[in-house]
C-alpha atoms as a PDB file:
ATOM      1  CA  MET A   1     -45.700  -9.685-101.870  1.00  0.00           C
ATOM      2  CA  ARG A   2     -45.372 -13.504-100.674  1.00  0.00           C
ATOM      3  CA  LEU A   3     -42.481 -12.633 -98.263  1.00  0.00           C
ATOM      4  CA  VAL A   4     -44.665 -10.597 -96.399  1.00  0.00           C
ATOM      5  CA  HIS A   5     -47.666 -12.663 -96.685  1.00  0.00           C
ATOM      6  CA  TYR A   6     -45.387 -15.314 -95.074  1.00  0.00           C
ATOM      7  CA  LEU A   7     -44.229 -13.182 -92.514  1.00  0.00           C
ATOM      8  CA  GLN A   8     -47.440 -11.367 -91.225  1.00  0.00           C
ATOM      9  CA  HIS A   9     -48.031 -13.975 -88.473  1.00  0.00           C
ATOM     10  CA  TRP A  10     -44.645 -13.597 -86.921  1.00  0.00           C
ATOM     11  CA  LEU A  11     -44.602  -9.559 -87.766  1.00  0.00           C
ATOM     12  CA  GLY A  12     -47.953  -9.297 -85.681  1.00  0.00           C
ATOM     13  CA  GLY A  13     -46.847 -11.435 -82.774  1.00  0.00           C
ATOM     14  CA  THR A  14     -48.730 -14.023 -83.306  1.00  0.00           C
ATOM     15  CA  GLY A  15     -46.156 -16.281 -85.300  1.00  0.00           C
ATOM     16  CA  ALA A  16     -43.587 -18.546 -83.937  1.00  0.00           C
ATOM     17  CA  ARG A  17     -40.433 -17.618 -82.345  1.00  0.00           C
ATOM     18  CA  LEU A  18     -37.251 -16.907 -83.924  1.00  0.00           C
ATOM     19  CA  GLN A  19     -33.969 -18.894 -82.214  1.00  0.00           C
ATOM     20  CA  VAL A  20     -31.763 -16.100 -81.123  1.00  0.00           C
ATOM     21  CA  THR A  21     -28.494 -18.411 -81.651  1.00  0.00           C
ATOM     22  CA  ASP A  22     -29.827 -19.524 -85.208  1.00  0.00           C
ATOM     23  CA  PHE A  23     -29.006 -15.866 -86.079  1.00  0.00           C
ATOM     24  CA  VAL A  24     -25.790 -14.965 -84.007  1.00  0.00           C
ATOM     25  CA  PRO A  25     -22.481 -17.443 -85.307  1.00  0.00           C
ATOM     26  CA  ILE A  26     -20.695 -19.334 -82.928  1.00  0.00           C
ATOM     27  CA  MET A  27     -17.627 -17.040 -83.755  1.00  0.00           C
ATOM     28  CA  HIS A  28     -19.361 -13.913 -83.214  1.00  0.00           C
ATOM     29  CA  PRO A  29     -17.316 -11.774 -80.959  1.00  0.00           C
ATOM     30  CA  ILE A  30     -20.566 -10.515 -78.511  1.00  0.00           C
ATOM     31  CA  ARG A  31     -21.304 -14.596 -78.624  1.00  0.00           C
ATOM     32  CA  GLN A  32     -18.206 -15.193 -77.654  1.00  0.00           C
ATOM     33  CA  TRP A  33     -17.772 -12.336 -75.293  1.00  0.00           C
ATOM     34  CA  ALA A  34     -20.778 -13.289 -73.836  1.00  0.00           C
ATOM     35  CA  ASP A  35     -20.216 -16.903 -73.324  1.00  0.00           C
ATOM     36  CA  THR A  36     -17.384 -16.585 -71.167  1.00  0.00           C
ATOM     37  CA  PHE A  37     -19.045 -15.274 -68.376  1.00  0.00           C
ATOM     38  CA  PRO A  38     -20.721 -17.444 -65.543  1.00  0.00           C
ATOM     39  CA  TRP A  39     -23.499 -15.642 -65.654  1.00  0.00           C
ATOM     40  CA  ALA A  40     -25.867 -17.847 -63.353  1.00  0.00           C
ATOM     41  CA  ALA A  41     -23.402 -17.000 -60.157  1.00  0.00           C
ATOM     42  CA  LEU A  42     -23.168 -13.209 -61.444  1.00  0.00           C
ATOM     43  CA  VAL A  43     -26.694 -12.777 -61.458  1.00  0.00           C
ATOM     44  CA  GLY A  44     -27.188 -14.247 -58.302  1.00  0.00           C
ATOM     45  CA  ALA A  45     -24.963 -12.241 -56.461  1.00  0.00           C
ATOM     46  CA  ILE A  46     -27.037  -9.200 -57.774  1.00  0.00           C
ATOM     47  CA  GLU A  47     -30.399 -10.695 -57.456  1.00  0.00           C
ATOM     48  CA  GLN A  48     -29.022 -11.131 -53.252  1.00  0.00           C
ATOM     49  CA  SER A  49     -27.524  -8.087 -52.667  1.00  0.00           C
ATOM     50  CA  PHE A  50     -30.831  -6.185 -54.002  1.00  0.00           C
ATOM     51  CA  ASP A  51     -33.239  -8.426 -51.892  1.00  0.00           C
ATOM     52  CA  LYS A  52     -31.078  -7.244 -48.711  1.00  0.00           C
ATOM     53  CA  ARG A  53     -30.524  -3.863 -49.457  1.00  0.00           C
ATOM     54  CA  PHE A  54     -34.058  -3.202 -51.628  1.00  0.00           C
ATOM     55  CA  PRO A  55     -36.833  -5.741 -50.022  1.00  0.00           C
ATOM     56  CA  LYS A  56     -40.049  -3.992 -50.916  1.00  0.00           C
ATOM     57  CA  LYS A  57     -41.254  -5.268 -54.674  1.00  0.00           C
ATOM     58  CA  SER A  58     -44.393  -3.580 -55.500  1.00  0.00           C
ATOM     59  CA  PRO A  59     -46.741  -5.873 -57.368  1.00  0.00           C
ATOM     60  CA  ARG A  60     -47.840  -2.969 -59.862  1.00  0.00           C
ATOM     61  CA  GLY A  61     -46.505  -1.553 -62.980  1.00  0.00           C
ATOM     62  CA  ARG A  62     -45.014  -3.616 -66.018  1.00  0.00           C
ATOM     63  CA  ARG A  63     -43.056  -7.024 -64.806  1.00  0.00           C
ATOM     64  CA  PRO A  64     -39.377  -6.234 -64.128  1.00  0.00           C
ATOM     65  CA  VAL A  65     -36.887  -6.470 -66.614  1.00  0.00           C
ATOM     66  CA  PRO A  66     -34.579  -9.490 -65.666  1.00  0.00           C
ATOM     67  CA  ILE A  67     -31.633  -8.623 -63.852  1.00  0.00           C
ATOM     68  CA  ARG A  68     -29.125 -10.936 -66.563  1.00  0.00           C
ATOM     69  CA  VAL A  69     -30.687  -8.408 -69.411  1.00  0.00           C
ATOM     70  CA  LEU A  70     -29.544  -5.162 -67.254  1.00  0.00           C
ATOM     71  CA  PHE A  71     -26.588  -6.299 -66.346  1.00  0.00           C
ATOM     72  CA  ALA A  72     -25.555  -7.902 -69.760  1.00  0.00           C
ATOM     73  CA  LEU A  73     -26.393  -4.828 -71.000  1.00  0.00           C
ATOM     74  CA  GLU A  74     -24.665  -2.708 -68.647  1.00  0.00           C
ATOM     75  CA  LEU A  75     -21.236  -4.317 -69.305  1.00  0.00           C
ATOM     76  CA  LEU A  76     -21.743  -4.260 -72.989  1.00  0.00           C
ATOM     77  CA  LYS A  77     -21.992  -0.554 -72.807  1.00  0.00           C
ATOM     78  CA  HIS A  78     -18.916  -0.418 -71.962  1.00  0.00           C
ATOM     79  CA  GLU A  79     -17.469  -3.004 -73.898  1.00  0.00           C
ATOM     80  CA  LEU A  80     -18.843  -1.405 -77.285  1.00  0.00           C
ATOM     81  CA  GLY A  81     -18.503   2.320 -75.620  1.00  0.00           C
ATOM     82  CA  ALA A  82     -22.037   2.891 -76.406  1.00  0.00           C
ATOM     83  CA  SER A  83     -24.550   4.846 -74.437  1.00  0.00           C
ATOM     84  CA  ASP A  84     -27.530   4.095 -72.659  1.00  0.00           C
ATOM     85  CA  GLU A  85     -29.909   4.799 -75.860  1.00  0.00           C
ATOM     86  CA  ASP A  86     -27.271   3.205 -78.189  1.00  0.00           C
ATOM     87  CA  ILE A  87     -27.139  -0.182 -76.208  1.00  0.00           C
ATOM     88  CA  CYS A  88     -30.931  -0.236 -75.171  1.00  0.00           C
ATOM     89  CA  GLN A  89     -31.713   0.278 -79.353  1.00  0.00           C
ATOM     90  CA  ARG A  90     -29.230  -2.769 -79.960  1.00  0.00           C
ATOM     91  CA  LEU A  91     -31.266  -4.635 -77.764  1.00  0.00           C
ATOM     92  CA  ARG A  92     -34.377  -4.656 -79.949  1.00  0.00           C
ATOM     93  CA  THR A  93     -32.215  -5.058 -83.503  1.00  0.00           C
ATOM     94  CA  ASP A  94     -29.262  -6.376 -83.033  1.00  0.00           C
ATOM     95  CA  PHE A  95     -29.254 -10.336 -82.126  1.00  0.00           C
ATOM     96  CA  ALA A  96     -25.734 -10.672 -80.640  1.00  0.00           C
ATOM     97  CA  VAL A  97     -26.753  -8.308 -78.219  1.00  0.00           C
ATOM     98  CA  MET A  98     -30.128  -9.979 -77.183  1.00  0.00           C
ATOM     99  CA  TYR A  99     -27.946 -13.343 -77.218  1.00  0.00           C
ATOM    100  CA  ALA A 100     -25.261 -11.772 -74.393  1.00  0.00           C
ATOM    101  CA  CYS A 101     -28.469 -10.445 -72.716  1.00  0.00           C
ATOM    102  CA  GLY A 102     -29.657 -14.453 -72.406  1.00  0.00           C
ATOM    103  CA  LEU A 103     -32.446 -13.996 -74.718  1.00  0.00           C
ATOM    104  CA  ARG A 104     -32.546 -17.229 -76.447  1.00  0.00           C
ATOM    105  CA  ASP A 105     -35.789 -16.877 -78.448  1.00  0.00           C
ATOM    106  CA  TYR A 106     -36.955 -13.432 -79.926  1.00  0.00           C
ATOM    107  CA  GLN A 107     -41.217 -12.521 -81.191  1.00  0.00           C
ATOM    108  CA  VAL A 108     -41.939  -9.339 -82.465  1.00  0.00           C
ATOM    109  CA  ASN A 109     -44.480  -7.605 -79.722  1.00  0.00           C
ATOM    110  CA  PRO A 110     -45.858  -4.144 -81.015  1.00  0.00           C
ATOM    111  CA  SER A 111     -46.539  -3.513 -77.658  1.00  0.00           C
ATOM    112  CA  GLN A 112     -42.911  -3.615 -76.190  1.00  0.00           C
ATOM    113  CA  ALA A 113     -41.536  -1.138 -78.459  1.00  0.00           C
ATOM    114  CA  HIS A 114     -39.102  -0.031 -75.339  1.00  0.00           C
ATOM    115  CA  PHE A 115     -38.155  -3.038 -73.839  1.00  0.00           C
ATOM    116  CA  VAL A 116     -35.480  -1.672 -71.903  1.00  0.00           C
ATOM    117  CA  LEU A 117     -35.782   2.009 -71.517  1.00  0.00           C
ATOM    118  CA  PRO A 118     -31.959   3.996 -70.996  1.00  0.00           C
ATOM    119  CA  GLU A 119     -33.734   5.424 -67.563  1.00  0.00           C
ATOM    120  CA  THR A 120     -34.152   1.911 -66.296  1.00  0.00           C
ATOM    121  CA  LEU A 121     -30.721   0.740 -67.106  1.00  0.00           C
ATOM    122  CA  CYS A 122     -29.595   3.920 -65.245  1.00  0.00           C
ATOM    123  CA  GLU A 123     -31.574   3.109 -62.112  1.00  0.00           C
ATOM    124  CA  PHE A 124     -30.045  -0.263 -62.209  1.00  0.00           C
ATOM    125  CA  ARG A 125     -26.639   1.239 -62.277  1.00  0.00           C
ATOM    126  CA  SER A 126     -27.734   3.863 -58.945  1.00  0.00           C
ATOM    127  CA  ARG A 127     -28.023   0.546 -57.186  1.00  0.00           C
ATOM    128  CA  MET A 128     -24.530  -1.446 -57.898  1.00  0.00           C
ATOM    129  CA  ASP A 129     -22.793  -0.521 -54.807  1.00  0.00           C
ATOM    130  CA  GLU A 130     -18.674  -1.167 -53.833  1.00  0.00           C
ATOM    131  CA  ALA A 131     -18.982  -3.990 -51.973  1.00  0.00           C
ATOM    132  CA  LEU A 132     -21.385  -6.055 -55.048  1.00  0.00           C
ATOM    133  CA  MET A 133     -18.798  -5.064 -57.296  1.00  0.00           C
ATOM    134  CA  ASP A 134     -15.898  -6.692 -55.409  1.00  0.00           C
ATOM    135  CA  GLU A 135     -18.131  -9.525 -55.140  1.00  0.00           C
ATOM    136  CA  LEU A 136     -18.935  -9.811 -58.829  1.00  0.00           C
ATOM    137  CA  ILE A 137     -15.381  -9.383 -59.700  1.00  0.00           C
ATOM    138  CA  ALA A 138     -14.117 -11.954 -57.401  1.00  0.00           C
ATOM    139  CA  ILE A 139     -16.380 -14.718 -58.710  1.00  0.00           C
ATOM    140  CA  GLN A 140     -15.356 -13.169 -62.535  1.00  0.00           C
ATOM    141  CA  ALA A 141     -12.318 -14.176 -61.385  1.00  0.00           C
ATOM    142  CA  ALA A 142     -12.741 -17.424 -59.834  1.00  0.00           C
ATOM    143  CA  ALA A 143     -14.253 -18.495 -62.968  1.00  0.00           C
ATOM    144  CA  ALA A 144     -11.831 -17.489 -65.069  1.00  0.00           C
ATOM    145  CA  MET A 145      -9.238 -19.271 -62.746  1.00  0.00           C
ATOM    146  CA  ASP A 146     -11.392 -22.113 -63.006  1.00  0.00           C
ATOM    147  CA  GLU A 147     -11.532 -22.184 -66.973  1.00  0.00           C
ATOM    148  CA  GLY A 148      -7.927 -21.899 -66.719  1.00  0.00           C
ATOM    149  CA  LEU A 149      -7.812 -18.632 -69.089  1.00  0.00           C
ATOM    150  CA  VAL A 150      -5.737 -17.002 -66.229  1.00  0.00           C
ATOM    151  CA  SER A 151      -3.455 -17.941 -63.953  1.00  0.00           C
ATOM    152  CA  PRO A 152      -2.826 -16.261 -59.905  1.00  0.00           C
ATOM    153  CA  ALA A 153       1.279 -16.327 -60.788  1.00  0.00           C
ATOM    154  CA  HIS A 154       0.767 -13.808 -63.846  1.00  0.00           C
ATOM    155  CA  LEU A 155      -1.598 -11.826 -61.940  1.00  0.00           C
ATOM    156  CA  VAL A 156       0.031  -8.500 -61.355  1.00  0.00           C
ATOM    157  CA  ILE A 157      -1.533  -5.332 -59.364  1.00  0.00           C
ATOM    158  CA  ASP A 158       0.179  -2.145 -60.159  1.00  0.00           C
ATOM    159  CA  THR A 159       0.017   0.339 -57.380  1.00  0.00           C
ATOM    160  CA  PHE A 160       1.988   2.954 -58.413  1.00  0.00           C
ATOM    161  CA  PRO A 161      -0.862   5.924 -59.259  1.00  0.00           C
ATOM    162  CA  CYS A 162      -0.198   7.546 -63.056  1.00  0.00           C
ATOM    163  CA  GLU A 163      -2.110   9.842 -64.707  1.00  0.00           C
ATOM    164  CA  GLN A 164      -4.255   8.425 -67.861  1.00  0.00           C
ATOM    165  CA  GLY A 165      -1.867   9.067 -70.874  1.00  0.00           C
ATOM    166  CA  SER A 166       1.512   9.574 -68.360  1.00  0.00           C
ATOM    167  CA  HIS A 167       4.154   6.657 -68.428  1.00  0.00           C
ATOM    168  CA  ARG A 168       6.806   5.974 -66.121  1.00  0.00           C
ATOM    169  CA  VAL A 169      10.166   5.339 -66.887  1.00  0.00           C
ATOM    170  CA  THR A 170      11.296   2.127 -66.217  1.00  0.00           C
ATOM    171  CA  ASP A 171      13.900   0.955 -69.156  1.00  0.00           C
ATOM    172  CA  ALA A 172      17.450   1.316 -67.981  1.00  0.00           C
ATOM    173  CA  THR A 173      18.567   3.133 -70.878  1.00  0.00           C
ATOM    174  CA  THR A 174      16.514   5.895 -70.938  1.00  0.00           C
ATOM    175  CA  LEU A 175      17.767   6.964 -67.445  1.00  0.00           C
END
């Protein structure tokens, strides 16, 4: 009973905020994954693209979900093989996912039961065009080269199309 009494302000949404970084160890795979991205450059490119193509913003409705959150959820969804519903649920319950989305402090707020709806994530995905994706890949590649994670000398691009699961014979002993 003492624990509930101690946590009642936090559970009611009036207590102190929890620091997400206190709950996600430095060696956690999702934290390490999230720390490899140049988030400011990626989010800036998305915002610039969206401002050009979707200039109309309405002051009505609820506040928009930050682009960093939506983009991180989209990347995590593919990285973890999750559905839209699953990754949105994990945002509400998993501190590592919150960390990857750039949320550094957390406070329970009962009025925000659906922080990100799967439909919102689907709408965000539909706004990502090919030119924007090319720009994001270039930003990520440049950041990886600047960090020394990859070298252009070791970059191999295979232009020979093949179906998933099929293998080309390249070994001289099998020819």
